[in-house]
Amino acid sequence: MLDAASSFISENFLTLKKRPNDRTIVKVGHVSIGGEKAVVIAGPCSVESKEQVIETALAVKRSGAAILRGGAYKPRTSPYDFQGLGLEGLKLLKEAGDRAELPIVTEVMSEEDLPIVCDYADMIQIGARNMQNFALLKKIAKIRKPVLLKRGLSATIKEWLLAAEYILQGGNERVVLCERGIRTFDNSLRNTLDLAGVALVKELSHLPVIVDPSHATGKRSLITPTAKAAIAVGADGIIVEVHPQPEKALSDSAQQIDFNEFENMMQSLKKPLRELL
């Protein structure tokens, strides 16, 4: 079973399956990730205003999303880009989640921010840039909240699983892995979506694995096709960025979809698999 992993990771590691049918189900509020049903997480890249995040939360809930995402603290490549609303953004995201009756997931950027993020979030996201922030991973391991661990921008499968190992070894078994595209020689898209890597990790690990088609492609028109592909390859869910008016978004406008596009995507994901092939 674990022959594919033997060249780079020990069978004794906590992230790996001991038996072929091993499966961890991570509970986020009332939502289960890793079961028979794929879970959709949706919401804006950044929380920009009360009206924007509440409108989005209610819209994605109507279309079938199970968890609300949104950025309050934004790690941006340029220091001149919108950095998020911070604590005010957390409060607005929590209010929107309560209004829509959705648990919320948001990113933590530093050890210092962790306590305040934990006060508001139902699930903590470790972003791609922090996947190997080992001090932060060790802190996360102690809080016992569900964790969404994104694959690093250039991380190998081994490095991704070892990052999760830090959290599990520290005592927090509630980890969901997220493939969000990696950097390769091809710059046609924002990143290269590694669906084969998703299939491999599903084969090796008992942890749930979801896919982020928004960051993986950076292109609005490709989100639905890649979301379908992710589910077809066995992902336990997807996380997508949704905005009332993507063209006016303060961050990542090119990869956010509007409410109608999200509804259409959700309808297409409900079709039987044979219709997708």
C-alpha atoms as a PDB file:
ATOM      1  CA  MET A   1       0.000   0.000   0.000  1.00  0.00           C
ATOM      2  CA  LEU A   2       2.702   2.491   0.970  1.00  0.00           C
ATOM      3  CA  ASP A   3       5.322   1.439  -1.585  1.00  0.00           C
ATOM      4  CA  ALA A   4       4.852   4.717  -3.435  1.00  0.00           C
ATOM      5  CA  ALA A   5       5.815   6.604  -0.291  1.00  0.00           C
ATOM      6  CA  SER A   6       8.700   4.419   0.840  1.00  0.00           C
ATOM      7  CA  SER A   7      11.295   6.366  -1.102  1.00  0.00           C
ATOM      8  CA  PHE A   8      10.696   9.619   0.694  1.00  0.00           C
ATOM      9  CA  ILE A   9       8.648   9.206   3.867  1.00  0.00           C
ATOM     10  CA  SER A  10       8.561   6.778   6.776  1.00  0.00           C
ATOM     11  CA  GLU A  11       5.621   4.433   7.194  1.00  0.00           C
ATOM     12  CA  ASN A  12       5.659   5.342  10.883  1.00  0.00           C
ATOM     13  CA  PHE A  13       4.609   8.905  10.174  1.00  0.00           C
ATOM     14  CA  LEU A  14       1.245   9.936  11.572  1.00  0.00           C
ATOM     15  CA  THR A  15       0.011  11.402   8.290  1.00  0.00           C
ATOM     16  CA  LEU A  16       0.111   8.059   6.480  1.00  0.00           C
ATOM     17  CA  LYS A  17      -2.496   5.338   6.299  1.00  0.00           C
ATOM     18  CA  LYS A  18      -1.871   2.189   8.311  1.00  0.00           C
ATOM     19  CA  ARG A  19      -4.597   0.346   6.391  1.00  0.00           C
ATOM     20  CA  PRO A  20      -5.920   1.035   2.879  1.00  0.00           C
ATOM     21  CA  ASN A  21      -9.336   2.221   4.083  1.00  0.00           C
ATOM     22  CA  ASP A  22      -8.096   4.519   6.851  1.00  0.00           C
ATOM     23  CA  ARG A  23      -9.874   7.874   6.692  1.00  0.00           C
ATOM     24  CA  THR A  24      -9.915  10.848   9.032  1.00  0.00           C
ATOM     25  CA  ILE A  25     -13.058  12.983   9.083  1.00  0.00           C
ATOM     26  CA  VAL A  26     -12.477  16.525  10.324  1.00  0.00           C
ATOM     27  CA  LYS A  27     -15.421  18.311  11.901  1.00  0.00           C
ATOM     28  CA  VAL A  28     -15.696  22.076  11.407  1.00  0.00           C
ATOM     29  CA  GLY A  29     -18.727  23.160  13.374  1.00  0.00           C
ATOM     30  CA  HIS A  30     -21.531  20.986  12.014  1.00  0.00           C
ATOM     31  CA  VAL A  31     -19.655  20.202   8.781  1.00  0.00           C
ATOM     32  CA  SER A  32     -17.662  17.012   8.149  1.00  0.00           C
ATOM     33  CA  ILE A  33     -14.716  17.082   5.739  1.00  0.00           C
ATOM     34  CA  GLY A  34     -13.418  13.738   4.532  1.00  0.00           C
ATOM     35  CA  GLY A  35     -16.664  11.774   4.424  1.00  0.00           C
ATOM     36  CA  GLU A  36     -18.650  10.557   1.446  1.00  0.00           C
ATOM     37  CA  LYS A  37     -19.831  14.032   0.449  1.00  0.00           C
ATOM     38  CA  ALA A  38     -17.518  16.658  -1.053  1.00  0.00           C
ATOM     39  CA  VAL A  39     -17.558  19.951   0.856  1.00  0.00           C
ATOM     40  CA  VAL A  40     -17.524  23.379  -0.770  1.00  0.00           C
ATOM     41  CA  ILE A  41     -15.887  26.287   1.062  1.00  0.00           C
ATOM     42  CA  ALA A  42     -16.569  29.692  -0.480  1.00  0.00           C
ATOM     43  CA  GLY A  43     -16.301  33.395   0.197  1.00  0.00           C
ATOM     44  CA  PRO A  44     -14.330  36.500  -0.689  1.00  0.00           C
ATOM     45  CA  CYS A  45     -10.565  36.632  -0.937  1.00  0.00           C
ATOM     46  CA  SER A  46     -10.620  39.594   1.462  1.00  0.00           C
ATOM     47  CA  VAL A  47     -13.253  40.916   3.827  1.00  0.00           C
ATOM     48  CA  GLU A  48     -13.759  44.457   2.543  1.00  0.00           C
ATOM     49  CA  SER A  49     -16.962  45.662   4.205  1.00  0.00           C
ATOM     50  CA  LYS A  50     -19.916  44.451   6.248  1.00  0.00           C
ATOM     51  CA  GLU A  51     -22.260  44.585   3.270  1.00  0.00           C
ATOM     52  CA  GLN A  52     -19.865  42.716   0.989  1.00  0.00           C
ATOM     53  CA  VAL A  53     -19.133  39.808   3.313  1.00  0.00           C
ATOM     54  CA  ILE A  54     -22.703  39.322   4.557  1.00  0.00           C
ATOM     55  CA  GLU A  55     -24.118  39.478   1.021  1.00  0.00           C
ATOM     56  CA  THR A  56     -21.546  36.927  -0.091  1.00  0.00           C
ATOM     57  CA  ALA A  57     -22.146  34.626   2.885  1.00  0.00           C
ATOM     58  CA  LEU A  58     -25.883  34.504   2.249  1.00  0.00           C
ATOM     59  CA  ALA A  59     -25.377  33.960  -1.489  1.00  0.00           C
ATOM     60  CA  VAL A  60     -22.939  31.059  -1.155  1.00  0.00           C
ATOM     61  CA  LYS A  61     -25.126  29.478   1.517  1.00  0.00           C
ATOM     62  CA  ARG A  62     -28.136  29.587  -0.839  1.00  0.00           C
ATOM     63  CA  SER A  63     -26.108  27.824  -3.511  1.00  0.00           C
ATOM     64  CA  GLY A  64     -24.925  25.057  -1.200  1.00  0.00           C
ATOM     65  CA  ALA A  65     -21.604  26.108   0.329  1.00  0.00           C
ATOM     66  CA  ALA A  66     -20.946  24.504   3.714  1.00  0.00           C
ATOM     67  CA  ILE A  67     -18.197  26.773   5.101  1.00  0.00           C
ATOM     68  CA  LEU A  68     -17.508  30.498   4.659  1.00  0.00           C
ATOM     69  CA  ARG A  69     -13.981  31.633   3.842  1.00  0.00           C
ATOM     70  CA  GLY A  70     -12.591  35.154   3.976  1.00  0.00           C
ATOM     71  CA  GLY A  71      -9.307  36.933   4.566  1.00  0.00           C
ATOM     72  CA  ALA A  72      -8.870  39.368   7.437  1.00  0.00           C
ATOM     73  CA  TYR A  73      -5.063  39.283   7.493  1.00  0.00           C
ATOM     74  CA  LYS A  74      -3.709  39.120   3.938  1.00  0.00           C
ATOM     75  CA  PRO A  75      -0.138  38.067   3.088  1.00  0.00           C
ATOM     76  CA  ARG A  76       0.583  40.066  -0.064  1.00  0.00           C
ATOM     77  CA  THR A  77       3.656  39.891  -2.253  1.00  0.00           C
ATOM     78  CA  SER A  78       3.733  43.674  -2.504  1.00  0.00           C
ATOM     79  CA  PRO A  79       3.642  45.813   0.669  1.00  0.00           C
ATOM     80  CA  TYR A  80       1.572  48.340  -1.281  1.00  0.00           C
ATOM     81  CA  ASP A  81      -1.355  45.976  -1.880  1.00  0.00           C
ATOM     82  CA  PHE A  82      -4.436  45.728   0.362  1.00  0.00           C
ATOM     83  CA  GLN A  83      -3.403  43.934   3.569  1.00  0.00           C
ATOM     84  CA  GLY A  84      -6.848  43.201   4.985  1.00  0.00           C
ATOM     85  CA  LEU A  85      -8.947  44.755   7.767  1.00  0.00           C
ATOM     86  CA  GLY A  86      -7.363  42.766  10.589  1.00  0.00           C
ATOM     87  CA  LEU A  87      -9.453  42.450  13.734  1.00  0.00           C
ATOM     88  CA  GLU A  88     -12.362  44.364  12.191  1.00  0.00           C
ATOM     89  CA  GLY A  89     -12.334  41.902   9.309  1.00  0.00           C
ATOM     90  CA  LEU A  90     -12.466  38.973  11.727  1.00  0.00           C
ATOM     91  CA  LYS A  91     -15.491  40.471  13.466  1.00  0.00           C
ATOM     92  CA  LEU A  92     -17.286  41.047  10.171  1.00  0.00           C
ATOM     93  CA  LEU A  93     -16.495  37.533   8.951  1.00  0.00           C
ATOM     94  CA  LYS A  94     -17.830  36.052  12.168  1.00  0.00           C
ATOM     95  CA  GLU A  95     -20.990  38.141  11.923  1.00  0.00           C
ATOM     96  CA  ALA A  96     -21.501  37.017   8.316  1.00  0.00           C
ATOM     97  CA  GLY A  97     -20.987  33.374   9.275  1.00  0.00           C
ATOM     98  CA  ASP A  98     -23.516  33.684  12.070  1.00  0.00           C
ATOM     99  CA  ARG A  99     -26.047  35.330   9.744  1.00  0.00           C
ATOM    100  CA  ALA A 100     -25.671  32.576   7.156  1.00  0.00           C
ATOM    101  CA  GLU A 101     -25.287  29.810   9.762  1.00  0.00           C
ATOM    102  CA  LEU A 102     -21.938  28.791   8.291  1.00  0.00           C
ATOM    103  CA  PRO A 103     -18.712  27.994  10.170  1.00  0.00           C
ATOM    104  CA  ILE A 104     -15.812  30.195   9.068  1.00  0.00           C
ATOM    105  CA  VAL A 105     -12.219  29.598   8.033  1.00  0.00           C
ATOM    106  CA  THR A 106      -9.613  32.336   7.832  1.00  0.00           C
ATOM    107  CA  GLU A 107      -5.853  32.584   7.573  1.00  0.00           C
ATOM    108  CA  VAL A 108      -3.453  33.241  10.434  1.00  0.00           C
ATOM    109  CA  MET A 109      -0.168  34.849   9.422  1.00  0.00           C
ATOM    110  CA  SER A 110       1.848  34.869  12.634  1.00  0.00           C
ATOM    111  CA  GLU A 111       2.131  33.429  16.117  1.00  0.00           C
ATOM    112  CA  GLU A 112       1.117  36.807  17.513  1.00  0.00           C
ATOM    113  CA  ASP A 113      -2.175  36.805  15.595  1.00  0.00           C
ATOM    114  CA  LEU A 114      -3.084  33.227  16.521  1.00  0.00           C
ATOM    115  CA  PRO A 115      -4.972  33.889  19.802  1.00  0.00           C
ATOM    116  CA  ILE A 116      -7.234  36.556  18.332  1.00  0.00           C
ATOM    117  CA  VAL A 117      -7.919  34.535  15.161  1.00  0.00           C
ATOM    118  CA  CYS A 118      -8.824  31.536  17.320  1.00  0.00           C
ATOM    119  CA  ASP A 119     -11.378  33.665  19.168  1.00  0.00           C
ATOM    120  CA  TYR A 120     -13.371  34.130  15.951  1.00  0.00           C
ATOM    121  CA  ALA A 121     -12.569  31.326  13.496  1.00  0.00           C
ATOM    122  CA  ASP A 122     -13.970  27.799  13.479  1.00  0.00           C
ATOM    123  CA  MET A 123     -11.055  26.625  11.340  1.00  0.00           C
ATOM    124  CA  ILE A 124      -7.555  28.078  11.025  1.00  0.00           C
ATOM    125  CA  GLN A 125      -5.876  28.326   7.632  1.00  0.00           C
ATOM    126  CA  ILE A 126      -2.120  28.061   7.238  1.00  0.00           C
ATOM    127  CA  GLY A 127      -1.367  29.745   3.943  1.00  0.00           C
ATOM    128  CA  ALA A 128       1.100  28.607   1.297  1.00  0.00           C
ATOM    129  CA  ARG A 129       3.735  31.100   2.420  1.00  0.00           C
ATOM    130  CA  ASN A 130       3.574  29.767   5.995  1.00  0.00           C
ATOM    131  CA  MET A 131       3.511  26.037   5.260  1.00  0.00           C
ATOM    132  CA  GLN A 132       7.057  25.693   6.580  1.00  0.00           C
ATOM    133  CA  ASN A 133       6.759  28.244   9.384  1.00  0.00           C
ATOM    134  CA  PHE A 134       7.584  25.539  11.893  1.00  0.00           C
ATOM    135  CA  ALA A 135       7.192  27.759  14.961  1.00  0.00           C
ATOM    136  CA  LEU A 136       3.649  28.589  13.857  1.00  0.00           C
ATOM    137  CA  LEU A 137       2.898  24.932  13.068  1.00  0.00           C
ATOM    138  CA  LYS A 138       3.964  23.941  16.583  1.00  0.00           C
ATOM    139  CA  LYS A 139       1.674  26.590  18.077  1.00  0.00           C
ATOM    140  CA  ILE A 140      -1.216  25.430  15.892  1.00  0.00           C
ATOM    141  CA  ALA A 141      -0.635  21.860  17.077  1.00  0.00           C
ATOM    142  CA  LYS A 142      -1.487  22.888  20.622  1.00  0.00           C
ATOM    143  CA  ILE A 143      -4.787  24.661  20.031  1.00  0.00           C
ATOM    144  CA  ARG A 144      -6.786  21.623  18.811  1.00  0.00           C
ATOM    145  CA  LYS A 145      -8.828  23.649  16.328  1.00  0.00           C
ATOM    146  CA  PRO A 146      -9.319  22.288  12.798  1.00  0.00           C
ATOM    147  CA  VAL A 147      -6.513  23.370  10.483  1.00  0.00           C
ATOM    148  CA  LEU A 148      -6.532  23.923   6.727  1.00  0.00           C
ATOM    149  CA  LEU A 149      -2.923  23.440   5.599  1.00  0.00           C
ATOM    150  CA  LYS A 150      -2.188  24.801   2.133  1.00  0.00           C
ATOM    151  CA  ARG A 151       0.652  23.384   0.080  1.00  0.00           C
ATOM    152  CA  GLY A 152       3.602  25.727  -0.288  1.00  0.00           C
ATOM    153  CA  LEU A 153       4.244  27.523  -3.548  1.00  0.00           C
ATOM    154  CA  SER A 154       7.144  25.215  -4.438  1.00  0.00           C
ATOM    155  CA  ALA A 155       6.668  22.434  -1.897  1.00  0.00           C
ATOM    156  CA  THR A 156       7.097  18.783  -2.746  1.00  0.00           C
ATOM    157  CA  ILE A 157       4.556  16.195  -1.606  1.00  0.00           C
ATOM    158  CA  LYS A 158       7.058  15.099   1.031  1.00  0.00           C
ATOM    159  CA  GLU A 159       7.445  18.633   2.409  1.00  0.00           C
ATOM    160  CA  TRP A 160       3.669  19.130   2.454  1.00  0.00           C
ATOM    161  CA  LEU A 161       3.077  15.925   4.416  1.00  0.00           C
ATOM    162  CA  LEU A 162       5.952  16.702   6.789  1.00  0.00           C
ATOM    163  CA  ALA A 163       4.400  20.092   7.528  1.00  0.00           C
ATOM    164  CA  ALA A 164       1.198  18.263   8.470  1.00  0.00           C
ATOM    165  CA  GLU A 165       3.319  15.877  10.528  1.00  0.00           C
ATOM    166  CA  TYR A 166       4.404  18.793  12.732  1.00  0.00           C
ATOM    167  CA  ILE A 167       0.775  19.478  13.595  1.00  0.00           C
ATOM    168  CA  LEU A 168      -0.241  15.860  14.174  1.00  0.00           C
ATOM    169  CA  GLN A 169       2.878  15.079  16.156  1.00  0.00           C
ATOM    170  CA  GLY A 170       2.091  18.041  18.385  1.00  0.00           C
ATOM    171  CA  GLY A 171      -1.322  16.594  19.223  1.00  0.00           C
ATOM    172  CA  ASN A 172      -3.738  18.198  16.754  1.00  0.00           C
ATOM    173  CA  GLU A 173      -5.193  15.516  14.483  1.00  0.00           C
ATOM    174  CA  ARG A 174      -7.787  17.789  12.847  1.00  0.00           C
ATOM    175  CA  VAL A 175      -5.861  18.649   9.685  1.00  0.00           C
ATOM    176  CA  VAL A 176      -7.209  19.144   6.166  1.00  0.00           C
ATOM    177  CA  LEU A 177      -4.685  19.414   3.339  1.00  0.00           C
ATOM    178  CA  CYS A 178      -5.232  21.895   0.506  1.00  0.00           C
ATOM    179  CA  GLU A 179      -3.638  21.760  -2.938  1.00  0.00           C
ATOM    180  CA  ARG A 180      -3.563  25.313  -4.319  1.00  0.00           C
ATOM    181  CA  GLY A 181      -1.214  24.971  -7.259  1.00  0.00           C
ATOM    182  CA  ILE A 182       2.566  25.101  -7.355  1.00  0.00           C
ATOM    183  CA  ARG A 183       5.145  27.117  -9.266  1.00  0.00           C
ATOM    184  CA  THR A 184       6.576  25.462 -12.343  1.00  0.00           C
ATOM    185  CA  PHE A 185       8.397  26.554 -15.509  1.00  0.00           C
ATOM    186  CA  ASP A 186       5.028  27.347 -17.137  1.00  0.00           C
ATOM    187  CA  ASN A 187       3.774  30.876 -16.466  1.00  0.00           C
ATOM    188  CA  SER A 188       0.621  30.647 -18.569  1.00  0.00           C
ATOM    189  CA  LEU A 189      -1.450  30.572 -15.376  1.00  0.00           C
ATOM    190  CA  ARG A 190      -0.891  31.838 -11.859  1.00  0.00           C
ATOM    191  CA  ASN A 191       0.166  28.339 -10.714  1.00  0.00           C
ATOM    192  CA  THR A 192       0.124  24.739 -11.939  1.00  0.00           C
ATOM    193  CA  LEU A 193      -2.646  22.623 -10.397  1.00  0.00           C
ATOM    194  CA  ASP A 194      -1.167  19.273  -9.318  1.00  0.00           C
ATOM    195  CA  LEU A 195      -4.155  16.932  -9.507  1.00  0.00           C
ATOM    196  CA  ALA A 196      -1.878  13.890  -9.686  1.00  0.00           C
ATOM    197  CA  GLY A 197      -0.430  15.048  -6.376  1.00  0.00           C
ATOM    198  CA  VAL A 198      -3.933  15.145  -4.917  1.00  0.00           C
ATOM    199  CA  ALA A 199      -4.537  11.563  -6.040  1.00  0.00           C
ATOM    200  CA  LEU A 200      -1.190  10.476  -4.584  1.00  0.00           C
ATOM    201  CA  VAL A 201      -1.819  12.102  -1.224  1.00  0.00           C
ATOM    202  CA  LYS A 202      -5.291  10.542  -1.100  1.00  0.00           C
ATOM    203  CA  GLU A 203      -3.610   7.180  -1.685  1.00  0.00           C
ATOM    204  CA  LEU A 204      -0.954   7.720   0.972  1.00  0.00           C
ATOM    205  CA  SER A 205      -2.638   9.737   3.712  1.00  0.00           C
ATOM    206  CA  HIS A 206      -5.771   9.334   5.806  1.00  0.00           C
ATOM    207  CA  LEU A 207      -6.152  13.129   5.994  1.00  0.00           C
ATOM    208  CA  PRO A 208      -8.817  14.898   3.916  1.00  0.00           C
ATOM    209  CA  VAL A 209      -7.543  16.740   0.843  1.00  0.00           C
ATOM    210  CA  ILE A 210      -9.298  19.662  -0.832  1.00  0.00           C
ATOM    211  CA  VAL A 211      -8.392  21.780  -3.864  1.00  0.00           C
ATOM    212  CA  ASP A 212      -8.269  25.557  -4.357  1.00  0.00           C
ATOM    213  CA  PRO A 213      -8.968  26.194  -8.067  1.00  0.00           C
ATOM    214  CA  SER A 214      -8.967  29.973  -7.551  1.00  0.00           C
ATOM    215  CA  HIS A 215      -5.295  30.213  -6.576  1.00  0.00           C
ATOM    216  CA  ALA A 216      -4.311  27.240  -8.712  1.00  0.00           C
ATOM    217  CA  THR A 217      -5.361  28.956 -11.934  1.00  0.00           C
ATOM    218  CA  GLY A 218      -5.780  32.644 -11.151  1.00  0.00           C
ATOM    219  CA  LYS A 219      -8.338  32.745 -13.959  1.00  0.00           C
ATOM    220  CA  ARG A 220     -12.092  33.050 -13.411  1.00  0.00           C
ATOM    221  CA  SER A 221     -13.123  31.018 -16.456  1.00  0.00           C
ATOM    222  CA  LEU A 222     -11.090  27.984 -15.322  1.00  0.00           C
ATOM    223  CA  ILE A 223     -12.463  27.665 -11.801  1.00  0.00           C
ATOM    224  CA  THR A 224     -15.478  25.505 -12.672  1.00  0.00           C
ATOM    225  CA  PRO A 225     -13.589  23.089 -14.969  1.00  0.00           C
ATOM    226  CA  THR A 226     -10.794  22.591 -12.430  1.00  0.00           C
ATOM    227  CA  ALA A 227     -13.288  22.228  -9.576  1.00  0.00           C
ATOM    228  CA  LYS A 228     -14.939  19.399 -11.529  1.00  0.00           C
ATOM    229  CA  ALA A 229     -11.558  17.810 -12.152  1.00  0.00           C
ATOM    230  CA  ALA A 230     -10.682  18.011  -8.461  1.00  0.00           C
ATOM    231  CA  ILE A 231     -13.838  16.177  -7.435  1.00  0.00           C
ATOM    232  CA  ALA A 232     -13.339  13.618 -10.209  1.00  0.00           C
ATOM    233  CA  VAL A 233      -9.824  12.816  -9.007  1.00  0.00           C
ATOM    234  CA  GLY A 234     -11.085  12.187  -5.466  1.00  0.00           C
ATOM    235  CA  ALA A 235     -10.684  15.486  -3.594  1.00  0.00           C
ATOM    236  CA  ASP A 236     -12.810  15.821  -0.469  1.00  0.00           C
ATOM    237  CA  GLY A 237     -13.914  19.304  -1.434  1.00  0.00           C
ATOM    238  CA  ILE A 238     -12.960  22.630  -2.957  1.00  0.00           C
ATOM    239  CA  ILE A 239     -12.368  26.146  -1.691  1.00  0.00           C
ATOM    240  CA  VAL A 240     -13.226  28.984  -4.072  1.00  0.00           C
ATOM    241  CA  GLU A 241     -13.218  32.769  -3.967  1.00  0.00           C
ATOM    242  CA  VAL A 242     -16.574  34.487  -4.526  1.00  0.00           C
ATOM    243  CA  HIS A 243     -17.289  38.234  -4.633  1.00  0.00           C
ATOM    244  CA  PRO A 244     -20.412  40.316  -5.429  1.00  0.00           C
ATOM    245  CA  GLN A 245     -18.455  42.290  -8.059  1.00  0.00           C
ATOM    246  CA  PRO A 246     -15.134  40.568  -8.755  1.00  0.00           C
ATOM    247  CA  GLU A 247     -13.894  43.337 -11.015  1.00  0.00           C
ATOM    248  CA  LYS A 248     -14.040  45.735  -8.035  1.00  0.00           C
ATOM    249  CA  ALA A 249     -12.401  43.381  -5.518  1.00  0.00           C
ATOM    250  CA  LEU A 250      -9.500  44.830  -3.534  1.00  0.00           C
ATOM    251  CA  SER A 251      -7.454  41.657  -3.987  1.00  0.00           C
ATOM    252  CA  ASP A 252      -7.235  38.832  -6.541  1.00  0.00           C
ATOM    253  CA  SER A 253     -10.058  40.166  -8.708  1.00  0.00           C
ATOM    254  CA  ALA A 254      -9.123  37.985 -11.705  1.00  0.00           C
ATOM    255  CA  GLN A 255      -9.697  34.720  -9.822  1.00  0.00           C
ATOM    256  CA  GLN A 256     -12.950  35.490  -8.007  1.00  0.00           C
ATOM    257  CA  ILE A 257     -16.329  34.486  -9.403  1.00  0.00           C
ATOM    258  CA  ASP A 258     -19.640  36.248  -8.896  1.00  0.00           C
ATOM    259  CA  PHE A 259     -22.810  34.802  -7.395  1.00  0.00           C
ATOM    260  CA  ASN A 260     -24.277  33.573 -10.693  1.00  0.00           C
ATOM    261  CA  GLU A 261     -21.028  31.890 -11.667  1.00  0.00           C
ATOM    262  CA  PHE A 262     -20.850  30.218  -8.257  1.00  0.00           C
ATOM    263  CA  GLU A 263     -24.432  28.965  -8.557  1.00  0.00           C
ATOM    264  CA  ASN A 264     -23.675  27.563 -12.015  1.00  0.00           C
ATOM    265  CA  MET A 265     -20.547  25.879 -10.707  1.00  0.00           C
ATOM    266  CA  MET A 266     -22.470  24.287  -7.837  1.00  0.00           C
ATOM    267  CA  GLN A 267     -25.111  22.988 -10.229  1.00  0.00           C
ATOM    268  CA  SER A 268     -22.462  21.478 -12.482  1.00  0.00           C
ATOM    269  CA  LEU A 269     -20.788  19.762  -9.529  1.00  0.00           C
ATOM    270  CA  LYS A 270     -24.071  18.042  -8.677  1.00  0.00           C
ATOM    271  CA  LYS A 271     -24.202  16.193 -12.016  1.00  0.00           C
ATOM    272  CA  PRO A 272     -23.390  12.478 -11.978  1.00  0.00           C
ATOM    273  CA  LEU A 273     -19.719  11.763 -12.595  1.00  0.00           C
ATOM    274  CA  ARG A 274     -20.479  10.038 -15.916  1.00  0.00           C
ATOM    275  CA  GLU A 275     -21.746  13.373 -17.259  1.00  0.00           C
ATOM    276  CA  LEU A 276     -18.442  15.017 -16.408  1.00  0.00           C
ATOM    277  CA  LEU A 277     -16.296  12.552 -18.328  1.00  0.00           C
END
